[in-house]
Every structure is written in C-alpha cells, then in structure tokens.
C-alpha atoms as a PDB file:
ATOM      1  CA  UNK A   1      76.437 117.484  83.221  1.00  0.00           C
ATOM      2  CA  UNK A   2      78.629 118.143  86.253  1.00  0.00           C
ATOM      3  CA  UNK A   3      82.336 118.918  85.791  1.00  0.00           C
ATOM      4  CA  UNK A   4      85.309 118.637  88.121  1.00  0.00           C
ATOM      5  CA  UNK A   5      85.031 122.410  88.474  1.00  0.00           C
ATOM      6  CA  UNK A   6      81.545 121.972  90.004  1.00  0.00           C
ATOM      7  CA  UNK A   7      82.869 119.309  92.376  1.00  0.00           C
ATOM      8  CA  UNK A   8      85.793 121.514  93.416  1.00  0.00           C
ATOM      9  CA  UNK A   9      83.481 124.468  94.103  1.00  0.00           C
ATOM     10  CA  UNK A  10      81.099 122.446  96.280  1.00  0.00           C
ATOM     11  CA  UNK A  11      83.948 120.693  98.129  1.00  0.00           C
ATOM     12  CA  UNK A  12      85.837 123.936  98.677  1.00  0.00           C
ATOM     13  CA  UNK A  13      89.059 122.553  97.146  1.00  0.00           C
ATOM     14  CA  UNK A  14      91.108 123.201  94.045  1.00  0.00           C
ATOM     15  CA  UNK A  15      90.355 121.613  90.649  1.00  0.00           C
ATOM     16  CA  UNK A  16      93.742 119.869  90.744  1.00  0.00           C
ATOM     17  CA  UNK A  17      92.855 118.225  94.080  1.00  0.00           C
ATOM     18  CA  UNK A  18      89.638 116.838  92.604  1.00  0.00           C
ATOM     19  CA  UNK A  19      91.584 115.584  89.599  1.00  0.00           C
ATOM     20  CA  UNK A  20      94.132 113.815  91.810  1.00  0.00           C
ATOM     21  CA  UNK A  21      91.354 112.145  93.815  1.00  0.00           C
ATOM     22  CA  UNK A  22      89.433 110.920  90.793  1.00  0.00           C
ATOM     23  CA  UNK A  23      92.500 109.811  88.831  1.00  0.00           C
ATOM     24  CA  UNK A  24      94.484 108.554  91.851  1.00  0.00           C
ATOM     25  CA  UNK A  25      97.550 110.465  90.677  1.00  0.00           C
ATOM     26  CA  UNK A  26      98.667 111.894  94.049  1.00  0.00           C
ATOM     27  CA  UNK A  27      98.104 111.212  97.723  1.00  0.00           C
ATOM     28  CA  UNK A  28      95.104 113.033  99.209  1.00  0.00           C
ATOM     29  CA  UNK A  29      93.985 112.462 102.790  1.00  0.00           C
ATOM     30  CA  UNK A  30      91.312 109.820 103.226  1.00  0.00           C
ATOM     31  CA  UNK A  31      88.750 112.223 104.697  1.00  0.00           C
ATOM     32  CA  UNK A  32      89.143 114.748 101.876  1.00  0.00           C
ATOM     33  CA  UNK A  33      89.196 112.014  99.267  1.00  0.00           C
ATOM     34  CA  UNK A  34      85.941 110.537 100.599  1.00  0.00           C
ATOM     35  CA  UNK A  35      84.357 113.994 100.642  1.00  0.00           C
ATOM     36  CA  UNK A  36      85.248 114.637  96.981  1.00  0.00           C
ATOM     37  CA  UNK A  37      84.008 111.184  95.869  1.00  0.00           C
ATOM     38  CA  UNK A  38      80.712 111.653  97.758  1.00  0.00           C
ATOM     39  CA  UNK A  39      80.089 115.008  96.079  1.00  0.00           C
ATOM     40  CA  UNK A  40      80.974 113.527  92.696  1.00  0.00           C
ATOM     41  CA  UNK A  41      78.288 110.866  93.225  1.00  0.00           C
ATOM     42  CA  UNK A  42      75.745 113.458  94.395  1.00  0.00           C
ATOM     43  CA  UNK A  43      76.338 115.529  91.254  1.00  0.00           C
ATOM     44  CA  UNK A  44      76.172 112.421  88.999  1.00  0.00           C
ATOM     45  CA  UNK A  45      79.633 113.225  87.722  1.00  0.00           C
ATOM     46  CA  UNK A  46      80.837 111.135  84.774  1.00  0.00           C
ATOM     47  CA  UNK A  47      84.357 111.703  83.398  1.00  0.00           C
ATOM     48  CA  UNK A  48      84.569 112.818  79.788  1.00  0.00           C
ATOM     49  CA  UNK A  49      85.983 110.024  77.643  1.00  0.00           C
ATOM     50  CA  UNK A  50      87.239 112.608  75.152  1.00  0.00           C
ATOM     51  CA  UNK A  51      88.999 114.683  77.815  1.00  0.00           C
ATOM     52  CA  UNK A  52      90.536 111.583  79.366  1.00  0.00           C
ATOM     53  CA  UNK A  53      91.744 110.312  76.009  1.00  0.00           C
ATOM     54  CA  UNK A  54      93.411 113.645  75.255  1.00  0.00           C
ATOM     55  CA  UNK A  55      95.123 113.642  78.629  1.00  0.00           C
ATOM     56  CA  UNK A  56      96.267 110.002  78.590  1.00  0.00           C
ATOM     57  CA  UNK A  57      96.719 109.742  74.811  1.00  0.00           C
ATOM     58  CA  UNK A  58      94.492 106.650  74.700  1.00  0.00           C
ATOM     59  CA  UNK A  59      90.831 106.075  73.880  1.00  0.00           C
ATOM     60  CA  UNK A  60      90.435 102.485  75.088  1.00  0.00           C
ATOM     61  CA  UNK A  61      88.995 101.621  71.684  1.00  0.00           C
ATOM     62  CA  UNK A  62      90.063  99.115  69.022  1.00  0.00           C
ATOM     63  CA  UNK A  63      89.233  99.517  65.354  1.00  0.00           C
ATOM     64  CA  UNK A  64      88.140  96.328  63.564  1.00  0.00           C
ATOM     65  CA  UNK A  65      88.043  96.241  59.766  1.00  0.00           C
ATOM     66  CA  UNK A  66      86.713  93.137  58.032  1.00  0.00           C
ATOM     67  CA  UNK A  67      85.327  92.144  54.660  1.00  0.00           C
ATOM     68  CA  UNK A  68      81.619  91.302  54.957  1.00  0.00           C
ATOM     69  CA  UNK A  69      79.133  91.702  57.789  1.00  0.00           C
ATOM     70  CA  UNK A  70      76.653  89.262  56.170  1.00  0.00           C
ATOM     71  CA  UNK A  71      78.912  86.247  56.659  1.00  0.00           C
ATOM     72  CA  UNK A  72      78.154  84.332  59.913  1.00  0.00           C
ATOM     73  CA  UNK A  73      81.861  83.443  60.068  1.00  0.00           C
ATOM     74  CA  UNK A  74      82.698  87.065  60.871  1.00  0.00           C
ATOM     75  CA  UNK A  75      79.780  87.381  63.293  1.00  0.00           C
ATOM     76  CA  UNK A  76      81.146  84.493  65.370  1.00  0.00           C
ATOM     77  CA  UNK A  77      84.671  85.878  65.137  1.00  0.00           C
ATOM     78  CA  UNK A  78      83.634  89.395  66.170  1.00  0.00           C
ATOM     79  CA  UNK A  79      81.726  88.045  69.154  1.00  0.00           C
ATOM     80  CA  UNK A  80      84.992  86.658  70.547  1.00  0.00           C
ATOM     81  CA  UNK A  81      86.873  89.879  69.692  1.00  0.00           C
ATOM     82  CA  UNK A  82      84.284  91.988  71.512  1.00  0.00           C
ATOM     83  CA  UNK A  83      84.332  89.714  74.571  1.00  0.00           C
ATOM     84  CA  UNK A  84      88.129  89.773  74.871  1.00  0.00           C
ATOM     85  CA  UNK A  85      88.319  93.517  74.282  1.00  0.00           C
ATOM     86  CA  UNK A  86      85.751  94.072  77.061  1.00  0.00           C
ATOM     87  CA  UNK A  87      87.777  91.873  79.422  1.00  0.00           C
ATOM     88  CA  UNK A  88      90.732  94.184  78.769  1.00  0.00           C
ATOM     89  CA  UNK A  89      88.710  97.352  79.331  1.00  0.00           C
ATOM     90  CA  UNK A  90      88.366  98.200  75.651  1.00  0.00           C
ATOM     91  CA  UNK A  91      85.430  98.722  73.316  1.00  0.00           C
ATOM     92  CA  UNK A  92      85.504  98.031  69.582  1.00  0.00           C
ATOM     93  CA  UNK A  93      84.494 100.081  66.547  1.00  0.00           C
ATOM     94  CA  UNK A  94      83.500  97.802  63.673  1.00  0.00           C
ATOM     95  CA  UNK A  95      83.765  98.622  59.997  1.00  0.00           C
ATOM     96  CA  UNK A  96      83.394  96.457  56.880  1.00  0.00           C
ATOM     97  CA  UNK A  97      84.550  97.202  53.341  1.00  0.00           C
ATOM     98  CA  UNK A  98      82.732  94.614  51.160  1.00  0.00           C
ATOM     99  CA  UNK A  99      85.897  93.909  49.122  1.00  0.00           C
ATOM    100  CA  UNK A 100      86.032  97.540  47.934  1.00  0.00           C
ATOM    101  CA  UNK A 101      89.468  99.162  48.035  1.00  0.00           C
ATOM    102  CA  UNK A 102      88.223 102.765  48.269  1.00  0.00           C
ATOM    103  CA  UNK A 103      85.816 101.820  51.025  1.00  0.00           C
ATOM    104  CA  UNK A 104      88.645 100.099  52.897  1.00  0.00           C
ATOM    105  CA  UNK A 105      90.785 103.254  52.734  1.00  0.00           C
ATOM    106  CA  UNK A 106      87.848 105.425  53.812  1.00  0.00           C
ATOM    107  CA  UNK A 107      87.081 103.212  56.808  1.00  0.00           C
ATOM    108  CA  UNK A 108      90.754 103.008  57.764  1.00  0.00           C
ATOM    109  CA  UNK A 109      91.140 106.792  57.711  1.00  0.00           C
ATOM    110  CA  UNK A 110      87.894 107.261  59.648  1.00  0.00           C
ATOM    111  CA  UNK A 111      89.003 104.905  62.414  1.00  0.00           C
ATOM    112  CA  UNK A 112      92.376 106.627  62.665  1.00  0.00           C
ATOM    113  CA  UNK A 113      90.651 110.007  62.957  1.00  0.00           C
ATOM    114  CA  UNK A 114      88.775 108.557  65.924  1.00  0.00           C
ATOM    115  CA  UNK A 115      92.180 107.885  67.543  1.00  0.00           C
ATOM    116  CA  UNK A 116      91.722 104.153  68.078  1.00  0.00           C
ATOM    117  CA  UNK A 117      94.525 102.609  70.143  1.00  0.00           C
ATOM    118  CA  UNK A 118      95.031  99.709  67.715  1.00  0.00           C
ATOM    119  CA  UNK A 119      93.655  97.968  64.639  1.00  0.00           C
ATOM    120  CA  UNK A 120      92.546  94.433  63.808  1.00  0.00           C
ATOM    121  CA  UNK A 121      92.368  93.791  60.066  1.00  0.00           C
ATOM    122  CA  UNK A 122      90.549  90.718  58.734  1.00  0.00           C
ATOM    123  CA  UNK A 123      90.334  90.077  55.008  1.00  0.00           C
ATOM    124  CA  UNK A 124      92.809  88.561  52.583  1.00  0.00           C
ATOM    125  CA  UNK A 125      91.636  90.949  49.841  1.00  0.00           C
ATOM    126  CA  UNK A 126      93.812  93.564  51.547  1.00  0.00           C
ATOM    127  CA  UNK A 127      96.848  91.657  50.223  1.00  0.00           C
ATOM    128  CA  UNK A 128      96.176  93.143  46.776  1.00  0.00           C
ATOM    129  CA  UNK A 129      95.741  96.743  47.956  1.00  0.00           C
ATOM    130  CA  UNK A 130      98.501  99.405  47.796  1.00  0.00           C
ATOM    131  CA  UNK A 131     100.355  99.595  51.102  1.00  0.00           C
ATOM    132  CA  UNK A 132     100.611 103.380  51.192  1.00  0.00           C
ATOM    133  CA  UNK A 133      97.309 103.675  53.081  1.00  0.00           C
ATOM    134  CA  UNK A 134      98.735 101.545  55.912  1.00  0.00           C
ATOM    135  CA  UNK A 135     102.271 102.950  55.904  1.00  0.00           C
ATOM    136  CA  UNK A 136     101.069 106.403  56.949  1.00  0.00           C
ATOM    137  CA  UNK A 137      99.861 104.885  60.245  1.00  0.00           C
ATOM    138  CA  UNK A 138     103.107 103.137  61.116  1.00  0.00           C
ATOM    139  CA  UNK A 139     102.861 104.075  64.799  1.00  0.00           C
ATOM    140  CA  UNK A 140      99.468 102.415  65.288  1.00  0.00           C
ATOM    141  CA  UNK A 141      99.608  98.836  66.655  1.00  0.00           C
ATOM    142  CA  UNK A 142      98.053  96.364  64.193  1.00  0.00           C
ATOM    143  CA  UNK A 143      97.261  92.670  63.920  1.00  0.00           C
ATOM    144  CA  UNK A 144      96.552  91.112  60.515  1.00  0.00           C
ATOM    145  CA  UNK A 145      94.466  88.012  59.810  1.00  0.00           C
ATOM    146  CA  UNK A 146      95.303  86.242  56.536  1.00  0.00           C
ATOM    147  CA  UNK A 147      97.094  89.359  55.313  1.00  0.00           C
ATOM    148  CA  UNK A 148     100.538  88.186  54.322  1.00  0.00           C
ATOM    149  CA  UNK A 149     102.201  91.524  53.638  1.00  0.00           C
ATOM    150  CA  UNK A 150     104.926  93.651  55.213  1.00  0.00           C
ATOM    151  CA  UNK A 151     104.287  97.301  55.979  1.00  0.00           C
ATOM    152  CA  UNK A 152     107.360  99.544  55.759  1.00  0.00           C
ATOM    153  CA  UNK A 153     108.693 100.717  59.136  1.00  0.00           C
ATOM    154  CA  UNK A 154     105.890  98.909  60.953  1.00  0.00           C
ATOM    155  CA  UNK A 155     105.914  95.945  63.339  1.00  0.00           C
ATOM    156  CA  UNK A 156     102.735  94.010  62.538  1.00  0.00           C
ATOM    157  CA  UNK A 157     101.642  90.739  64.133  1.00  0.00           C
ATOM    158  CA  UNK A 158      99.916  88.144  61.951  1.00  0.00           C
ATOM    159  CA  UNK A 159      97.500  85.256  62.331  1.00  0.00           C
ATOM    160  CA  UNK A 160      97.293  82.897  59.354  1.00  0.00           C
ATOM    161  CA  UNK A 161      94.363  80.513  58.910  1.00  0.00           C
ATOM    162  CA  UNK A 162      96.430  77.824  57.149  1.00  0.00           C
ATOM    163  CA  UNK A 163      93.926  77.466  54.315  1.00  0.00           C
ATOM    164  CA  UNK A 164      96.228  75.245  52.249  1.00  0.00           C
ATOM    165  CA  UNK A 165      96.234  72.640  55.017  1.00  0.00           C
ATOM    166  CA  UNK A 166      92.484  72.895  55.604  1.00  0.00           C
ATOM    167  CA  UNK A 167      91.669  72.513  51.908  1.00  0.00           C
ATOM    168  CA  UNK A 168      94.070  69.589  51.589  1.00  0.00           C
ATOM    169  CA  UNK A 169      92.366  67.881  54.512  1.00  0.00           C
ATOM    170  CA  UNK A 170      88.901  68.390  52.981  1.00  0.00           C
ATOM    171  CA  UNK A 171      89.897  67.035  49.574  1.00  0.00           C
ATOM    172  CA  UNK A 172      91.881  64.166  51.050  1.00  0.00           C
ATOM    173  CA  UNK A 173      88.800  63.101  53.032  1.00  0.00           C
ATOM    174  CA  UNK A 174      86.728  62.960  49.849  1.00  0.00           C
ATOM    175  CA  UNK A 175      89.439  60.820  48.243  1.00  0.00           C
ATOM    176  CA  UNK A 176      89.532  58.536  51.283  1.00  0.00           C
ATOM    177  CA  UNK A 177      85.766  58.071  50.894  1.00  0.00           C
ATOM    178  CA  UNK A 178      86.355  56.695  47.415  1.00  0.00           C
ATOM    179  CA  UNK A 179      85.670  59.766  45.286  1.00  0.00           C
ATOM    180  CA  UNK A 180      87.825  60.329  42.208  1.00  0.00           C
ATOM    181  CA  UNK A 181      85.798  62.901  40.289  1.00  0.00           C
ATOM    182  CA  UNK A 182      86.130  65.773  42.742  1.00  0.00           C
ATOM    183  CA  UNK A 183      85.237  69.339  41.858  1.00  0.00           C
ATOM    184  CA  UNK A 184      85.362  72.569  43.809  1.00  0.00           C
ATOM    185  CA  UNK A 185      83.474  75.808  44.203  1.00  0.00           C
ATOM    186  CA  UNK A 186      85.894  78.618  44.976  1.00  0.00           C
ATOM    187  CA  UNK A 187      85.489  82.280  45.760  1.00  0.00           C
ATOM    188  CA  UNK A 188      87.128  85.029  43.765  1.00  0.00           C
ATOM    189  CA  UNK A 189      90.670  83.933  42.947  1.00  0.00           C
ATOM    190  CA  UNK A 190      92.010  87.458  43.505  1.00  0.00           C
ATOM    191  CA  UNK A 191      91.725  86.600  47.202  1.00  0.00           C
ATOM    192  CA  UNK A 192      94.713  84.929  48.873  1.00  0.00           C
ATOM    193  CA  UNK A 193      92.426  82.699  50.962  1.00  0.00           C
ATOM    194  CA  UNK A 194      90.826  81.330  47.803  1.00  0.00           C
ATOM    195  CA  UNK A 195      94.163  80.786  46.090  1.00  0.00           C
ATOM    196  CA  UNK A 196      95.447  78.957  49.165  1.00  0.00           C
ATOM    197  CA  UNK A 197      92.386  76.723  49.350  1.00  0.00           C
ATOM    198  CA  UNK A 198      92.739  75.905  45.681  1.00  0.00           C
ATOM    199  CA  UNK A 199      96.393  74.995  46.287  1.00  0.00           C
ATOM    200  CA  UNK A 200      95.347  72.591  49.034  1.00  0.00           C
ATOM    201  CA  UNK A 201      92.655  71.059  46.813  1.00  0.00           C
ATOM    202  CA  UNK A 202      95.146  70.654  43.957  1.00  0.00           C
ATOM    203  CA  UNK A 203      97.839  69.251  46.228  1.00  0.00           C
ATOM    204  CA  UNK A 204      95.557  66.495  47.573  1.00  0.00           C
ATOM    205  CA  UNK A 205      94.448  65.461  44.087  1.00  0.00           C
ATOM    206  CA  UNK A 206      97.996  65.354  42.776  1.00  0.00           C
ATOM    207  CA  UNK A 207      99.193  63.281  45.716  1.00  0.00           C
ATOM    208  CA  UNK A 208      96.432  60.748  44.975  1.00  0.00           C
ATOM    209  CA  UNK A 209      97.384  60.672  41.289  1.00  0.00           C
ATOM    210  CA  UNK A 210      94.193  62.432  40.234  1.00  0.00           C
ATOM    211  CA  UNK A 211      93.968  65.159  37.617  1.00  0.00           C
ATOM    212  CA  UNK A 212      92.458  68.587  38.227  1.00  0.00           C
ATOM    213  CA  UNK A 213      89.549  68.758  35.772  1.00  0.00           C
ATOM    214  CA  UNK A 214      88.940  72.391  34.785  1.00  0.00           C
ATOM    215  CA  UNK A 215      85.306  71.509  34.004  1.00  0.00           C
ATOM    216  CA  UNK A 216      84.847  70.653  37.673  1.00  0.00           C
ATOM    217  CA  UNK A 217      85.945  74.088  38.904  1.00  0.00           C
ATOM    218  CA  UNK A 218      83.210  76.647  39.575  1.00  0.00           C
ATOM    219  CA  UNK A 219      83.681  80.163  40.926  1.00  0.00           C
ATOM    220  CA  UNK A 220      81.282  81.684  43.438  1.00  0.00           C
ATOM    221  CA  UNK A 221      81.387  84.719  45.696  1.00  0.00           C
ATOM    222  CA  UNK A 222      81.313  83.332  49.250  1.00  0.00           C
ATOM    223  CA  UNK A 223      77.544  83.785  49.627  1.00  0.00           C
ATOM    224  CA  UNK A 224      74.484  81.526  49.391  1.00  0.00           C
ATOM    225  CA  UNK A 225      73.224  82.891  46.091  1.00  0.00           C
ATOM    226  CA  UNK A 226      76.496  82.235  44.297  1.00  0.00           C
ATOM    227  CA  UNK A 227      76.299  78.661  45.621  1.00  0.00           C
ATOM    228  CA  UNK A 228      72.908  78.370  43.921  1.00  0.00           C
ATOM    229  CA  UNK A 229      74.358  79.834  40.724  1.00  0.00           C
ATOM    230  CA  UNK A 230      77.143  77.259  40.778  1.00  0.00           C
ATOM    231  CA  UNK A 231      74.564  74.471  40.955  1.00  0.00           C
ATOM    232  CA  UNK A 232      73.175  75.760  37.652  1.00  0.00           C
ATOM    233  CA  UNK A 233      76.682  75.587  36.165  1.00  0.00           C
ATOM    234  CA  UNK A 234      77.096  72.079  37.546  1.00  0.00           C
ATOM    235  CA  UNK A 235      73.841  71.032  35.879  1.00  0.00           C
ATOM    236  CA  UNK A 236      75.105  72.148  32.479  1.00  0.00           C
ATOM    237  CA  UNK A 237      77.647  69.326  32.534  1.00  0.00           C
ATOM    238  CA  UNK A 238      76.529  66.051  30.903  1.00  0.00           C
ATOM    239  CA  UNK A 239      75.054  63.750  33.560  1.00  0.00           C
ATOM    240  CA  UNK A 240      77.824  61.146  33.144  1.00  0.00           C
ATOM    241  CA  UNK A 241      80.566  63.799  33.330  1.00  0.00           C
ATOM    242  CA  UNK A 242      79.627  65.483  36.595  1.00  0.00           C
ATOM    243  CA  UNK A 243      81.837  65.224  39.696  1.00  0.00           C
ATOM    244  CA  UNK A 244      80.615  62.863  42.408  1.00  0.00           C
ATOM    245  CA  UNK A 245      81.829  65.202  45.148  1.00  0.00           C
ATOM    246  CA  UNK A 246      82.457  68.909  45.636  1.00  0.00           C
ATOM    247  CA  UNK A 247      84.776  70.719  48.005  1.00  0.00           C
ATOM    248  CA  UNK A 248      83.078  74.087  48.517  1.00  0.00           C
ATOM    249  CA  UNK A 249      85.291  76.855  49.855  1.00  0.00           C
ATOM    250  CA  UNK A 250      82.849  78.113  52.500  1.00  0.00           C
ATOM    251  CA  UNK A 251      79.692  76.909  54.218  1.00  0.00           C
ATOM    252  CA  UNK A 252      77.467  79.668  52.843  1.00  0.00           C
ATOM    253  CA  UNK A 253      78.079  78.606  49.242  1.00  0.00           C
ATOM    254  CA  UNK A 254      77.574  74.979  50.309  1.00  0.00           C
ATOM    255  CA  UNK A 255      74.199  75.913  51.818  1.00  0.00           C
ATOM    256  CA  UNK A 256      73.153  77.671  48.604  1.00  0.00           C
ATOM    257  CA  UNK A 257      74.249  74.729  46.453  1.00  0.00           C
ATOM    258  CA  UNK A 258      72.426  72.220  48.644  1.00  0.00           C
ATOM    259  CA  UNK A 259      69.254  74.296  48.654  1.00  0.00           C
ATOM    260  CA  UNK A 260      69.175  74.444  44.865  1.00  0.00           C
ATOM    261  CA  UNK A 261      70.032  70.752  44.596  1.00  0.00           C
ATOM    262  CA  UNK A 262      67.075  69.799  46.801  1.00  0.00           C
ATOM    263  CA  UNK A 263      64.678  71.946  44.783  1.00  0.00           C
ATOM    264  CA  UNK A 264      65.823  70.048  41.683  1.00  0.00           C
ATOM    265  CA  UNK A 265      65.140  66.643  43.214  1.00  0.00           C
ATOM    266  CA  UNK A 266      68.696  65.790  44.262  1.00  0.00           C
ATOM    267  CA  UNK A 267      69.477  63.831  47.410  1.00  0.00           C
ATOM    268  CA  UNK A 268      72.661  64.586  49.322  1.00  0.00           C
ATOM    269  CA  UNK A 269      74.923  62.673  49.661  1.00  0.00           C
ATOM    270  CA  UNK A 270      73.408  59.989  47.418  1.00  0.00           C
ATOM    271  CA  UNK A 271      73.498  62.093  44.249  1.00  0.00           C
ATOM    272  CA  UNK A 272      76.490  64.262  45.141  1.00  0.00           C
ATOM    273  CA  UNK A 273      78.718  64.585  48.207  1.00  0.00           C
ATOM    274  CA  UNK A 274      79.433  68.008  49.692  1.00  0.00           C
ATOM    275  CA  UNK A 275      82.094  69.262  52.083  1.00  0.00           C
ATOM    276  CA  UNK A 276      82.213  72.893  53.192  1.00  0.00           C
ATOM    277  CA  UNK A 277      84.638  75.161  55.018  1.00  0.00           C
ATOM    278  CA  UNK A 278      84.394  77.334  58.188  1.00  0.00           C
ATOM    279  CA  UNK A 279      81.980  75.256  60.332  1.00  0.00           C
ATOM    280  CA  UNK A 280      79.625  78.177  60.918  1.00  0.00           C
ATOM    281  CA  UNK A 281      76.973  77.579  63.562  1.00  0.00           C
ATOM    282  CA  UNK A 282      74.225  76.805  61.018  1.00  0.00           C
ATOM    283  CA  UNK A 283      76.150  74.016  59.281  1.00  0.00           C
ATOM    284  CA  UNK A 284      75.248  71.297  61.781  1.00  0.00           C
ATOM    285  CA  UNK A 285      71.523  72.111  61.496  1.00  0.00           C
ATOM    286  CA  UNK A 286      71.265  71.497  57.748  1.00  0.00           C
ATOM    287  CA  UNK A 287      69.669  68.311  56.474  1.00  0.00           C
ATOM    288  CA  UNK A 288      71.912  66.441  56.132  1.00  0.00           C
ATOM    289  CA  UNK A 289      74.309  68.063  58.572  1.00  0.00           C
ATOM    290  CA  UNK A 290      77.220  69.500  56.611  1.00  0.00           C
ATOM    291  CA  UNK A 291      80.639  67.875  56.741  1.00  0.00           C
ATOM    292  CA  UNK A 292      83.042  70.801  56.868  1.00  0.00           C
ATOM    293  CA  UNK A 293      86.411  72.173  57.921  1.00  0.00           C
ATOM    294  CA  UNK A 294      86.343  73.858  61.302  1.00  0.00           C
ATOM    295  CA  UNK A 295      88.099  77.194  61.649  1.00  0.00           C
ATOM    296  CA  UNK A 296      88.774  78.013  65.320  1.00  0.00           C
ATOM    297  CA  UNK A 297      86.914  81.328  65.170  1.00  0.00           C
ATOM    298  CA  UNK A 298      86.649  81.857  68.924  1.00  0.00           C
ATOM    299  CA  UNK A 299      90.346  81.148  69.438  1.00  0.00           C
ATOM    300  CA  UNK A 300      91.174  83.449  66.544  1.00  0.00           C
ATOM    301  CA  UNK A 301      89.195  86.312  68.043  1.00  0.00           C
ATOM    302  CA  UNK A 302      90.793  85.864  71.461  1.00  0.00           C
ATOM    303  CA  UNK A 303      94.305  85.498  70.030  1.00  0.00           C
ATOM    304  CA  UNK A 304      93.985  88.585  67.837  1.00  0.00           C
ATOM    305  CA  UNK A 305      93.019  90.812  70.771  1.00  0.00           C
ATOM    306  CA  UNK A 306      95.708  89.325  73.020  1.00  0.00           C
ATOM    307  CA  UNK A 307      98.356  90.039  70.376  1.00  0.00           C
ATOM    308  CA  UNK A 308      97.109  93.595  69.973  1.00  0.00           C
ATOM    309  CA  UNK A 309      97.144  94.203  73.740  1.00  0.00           C
ATOM    310  CA  UNK A 310     100.770  93.078  73.851  1.00  0.00           C
ATOM    311  CA  UNK A 311     101.636  95.346  70.932  1.00  0.00           C
ATOM    312  CA  UNK A 312      99.865  98.338  72.517  1.00  0.00           C
ATOM    313  CA  UNK A 313     101.758  97.833  75.793  1.00  0.00           C
ATOM    314  CA  UNK A 314     105.111  97.315  74.092  1.00  0.00           C
ATOM    315  CA  UNK A 315     105.264  98.646  70.499  1.00  0.00           C
ATOM    316  CA  UNK A 316     108.857  97.426  70.108  1.00  0.00           C
ATOM    317  CA  UNK A 317     108.109  93.725  70.651  1.00  0.00           C
ATOM    318  CA  UNK A 318     109.400  91.353  67.995  1.00  0.00           C
ATOM    319  CA  UNK A 319     106.689  90.550  65.461  1.00  0.00           C
ATOM    320  CA  UNK A 320     104.732  87.351  66.020  1.00  0.00           C
ATOM    321  CA  UNK A 321     103.129  85.038  63.451  1.00  0.00           C
ATOM    322  CA  UNK A 322     100.603  82.379  64.483  1.00  0.00           C
ATOM    323  CA  UNK A 323      99.336  79.552  62.286  1.00  0.00           C
ATOM    324  CA  UNK A 324      95.899  78.183  63.129  1.00  0.00           C
ATOM    325  CA  UNK A 325      95.155  74.508  62.524  1.00  0.00           C
ATOM    326  CA  UNK A 326      91.816  73.728  60.838  1.00  0.00           C
ATOM    327  CA  UNK A 327      90.044  70.473  61.775  1.00  0.00           C
ATOM    328  CA  UNK A 328      87.790  68.140  59.809  1.00  0.00           C
ATOM    329  CA  UNK A 329      84.227  67.874  61.157  1.00  0.00           C
ATOM    330  CA  UNK A 330      82.613  64.680  59.839  1.00  0.00           C
ATOM    331  CA  UNK A 331      78.844  64.799  59.516  1.00  0.00           C
ATOM    332  CA  UNK A 332      76.413  63.400  56.945  1.00  0.00           C
ATOM    333  CA  UNK A 333      76.913  65.169  53.602  1.00  0.00           C
ATOM    334  CA  UNK A 334      79.633  62.854  52.193  1.00  0.00           C
ATOM    335  CA  UNK A 335      78.903  59.351  50.929  1.00  0.00           C
ATOM    336  CA  UNK A 336      81.296  56.413  51.036  1.00  0.00           C
ATOM    337  CA  UNK A 337      81.925  55.010  47.546  1.00  0.00           C
ATOM    338  CA  UNK A 338      83.499  51.688  46.616  1.00  0.00           C
ATOM    339  CA  UNK A 339      87.020  51.570  45.198  1.00  0.00           C
ATOM    340  CA  UNK A 340      85.654  51.982  41.669  1.00  0.00           C
ATOM    341  CA  UNK A 341      84.198  55.355  42.635  1.00  0.00           C
ATOM    342  CA  UNK A 342      80.554  54.241  42.499  1.00  0.00           C
END
C-alpha cells in the first residue's frame, strides 16, 4: 500500500507538502497540488484511518450498546442510527449485552479501547448497574435511551420513551372497548421500562375504578417463547376467571401468545383480545393484525445521533432530555364488548 512518503518521492516534494495537499491544511499552488493528487491516484493511495485518528484525535466512529440483537425493535432502531451516522460521516460499532452486567462492562471497555468518538446506550437494564464503569469515561460524549441515571462529572443527554403514557393508552383503549377483566404480560420487573409500563397499566385501571387482579399478571422475557409460556399460565386459570383482554408489554410476546392460542383452538379477538407494544414491522402482518402501541423508532434513532453529534461538537452544552410520545395503532386484535363486559 502506497504511503505519503512514496507520493513525495515520485513528486519530488517534501512529505509535509504532500500532507498539506491531501489534508488541505496549507496553501499549495494549484499546479503542484494537482500533480500530487494525480500521483496519489496513480499509486492507489488510501489514507490510514488509524494514522488520521491519531493525528486528529477522532475516529469518526460511534459505539452503540443495546440489550438484544434478536428483537426486531432494535433492528429497526439501529437502521435509523446507521443511516444518520452515515449522513454525518460516521460509522457505527454495534455491541449487545443480553441483559448481562459483566458483558455490558466488557463491551463498554472494548468500545472505549477502540477510541470511539461517542456512545449511544439503549437498554433500561443499565439503570440497575453500578455507575463506576461509566464514570471512568466522563470525557466521552454519551446519549442514553430509557436510562434515567446521572453519571458523576458527566453531561449526558437522554431520550425517554414515555412508557407510562404508552401503557396507560393501551389499557385505557381496552377499557373503552368494554373490557373490565384486563390482564397483562410484562417483562422482567427489574427493568425500568417494564416497571413504567406496569405503572401505566395500573394507572388506567385505577382511574376506571377497576382492581388490579394479581392472578391476571404474567411475567415473560420480551421474546416469543415467553409469550407462549404465558399462554400456558393463562390456561391454568379457571375458564370463568380468565381475563377477557391482555395488554402485552411488547409485540414479540404478543406474537408468541397468539401463536399458542391458535394452536389450542382459540380465536382472536373473539376468545381473548390482545394489544401489544412497539409496533414492530411484523405486527401488521399477523392474522389478525395486531393492535399495538407505536414507538417512533426511526425518529428515536435519528434524534439520538443528532444529540450525540451536538455533544461531540460542543461537550459543554447543557444536557438535553427528550420525551417521545407513543401512539395507539388500532387494528383487529381487540374486540368491542357491551357495557356488561360480554
């Protein structure tokens, strides 16, 4: 691979002159500049990203740490992150930690060793982790998604998904459709997102004068199989004591529940109404199409990169917090009951 030393030798100029031409750091006559550029092309010269990063103290890379790479929600989100990063001249390095604290710390340290210019962190599980692993990187620009923590001596921007509001809206819709026996399938309650969605579910029931029935609460793990497992738990309830509707905390668990329900002869929404959360791309292609809460994933991805670009350019900016607003997407998985809940 050709170096600037090879270009300088062939052009009969100094290495510093070649450097100034290629990096546009000092005036060089047009004729000499054209000569150097022509030779660089002839020699197939490509600047070393490592050398450039050492010189400019930037790598033009963004580290992205998120929870699970099997969830379509993150795939859609990362697509927007990658697009926006590219538009700003950056590439991304992706790492997931599967809700494992040690793996999160390992991935964080690995990305920092690669000298990324900034970090995007997605995953409310991080709220429960010790902050010491983040505090040691206080000079690295960061944007948090659903991570409601403060890092000592660090200005961190935040984007919050407003899960309480989204869950309230989902449960309130079920109530408006005449349902009174409303259950839920949550994820692990150690996660802030799950606790917030449960708060929204509880808030809507209480406002309608309905009790939270602990027998109607099932815990999954944000994947299809745990949705299937929760159907088995649902079936253990006496037929006349089952909820008529379920608010399921993400679309993947809703898909798993629906799949198992169909294989057991259930019809949705006639036998049970279902509302999901996230509005992943697959949700509208289910049969019936899944009523769900839309999270603005594309907007989130764009906003997170834009915030990080601002923080990279001006590390002393005042911290910013953005609240997203989930929307209800009405499809065909919720039935309309009469006022007696039948």
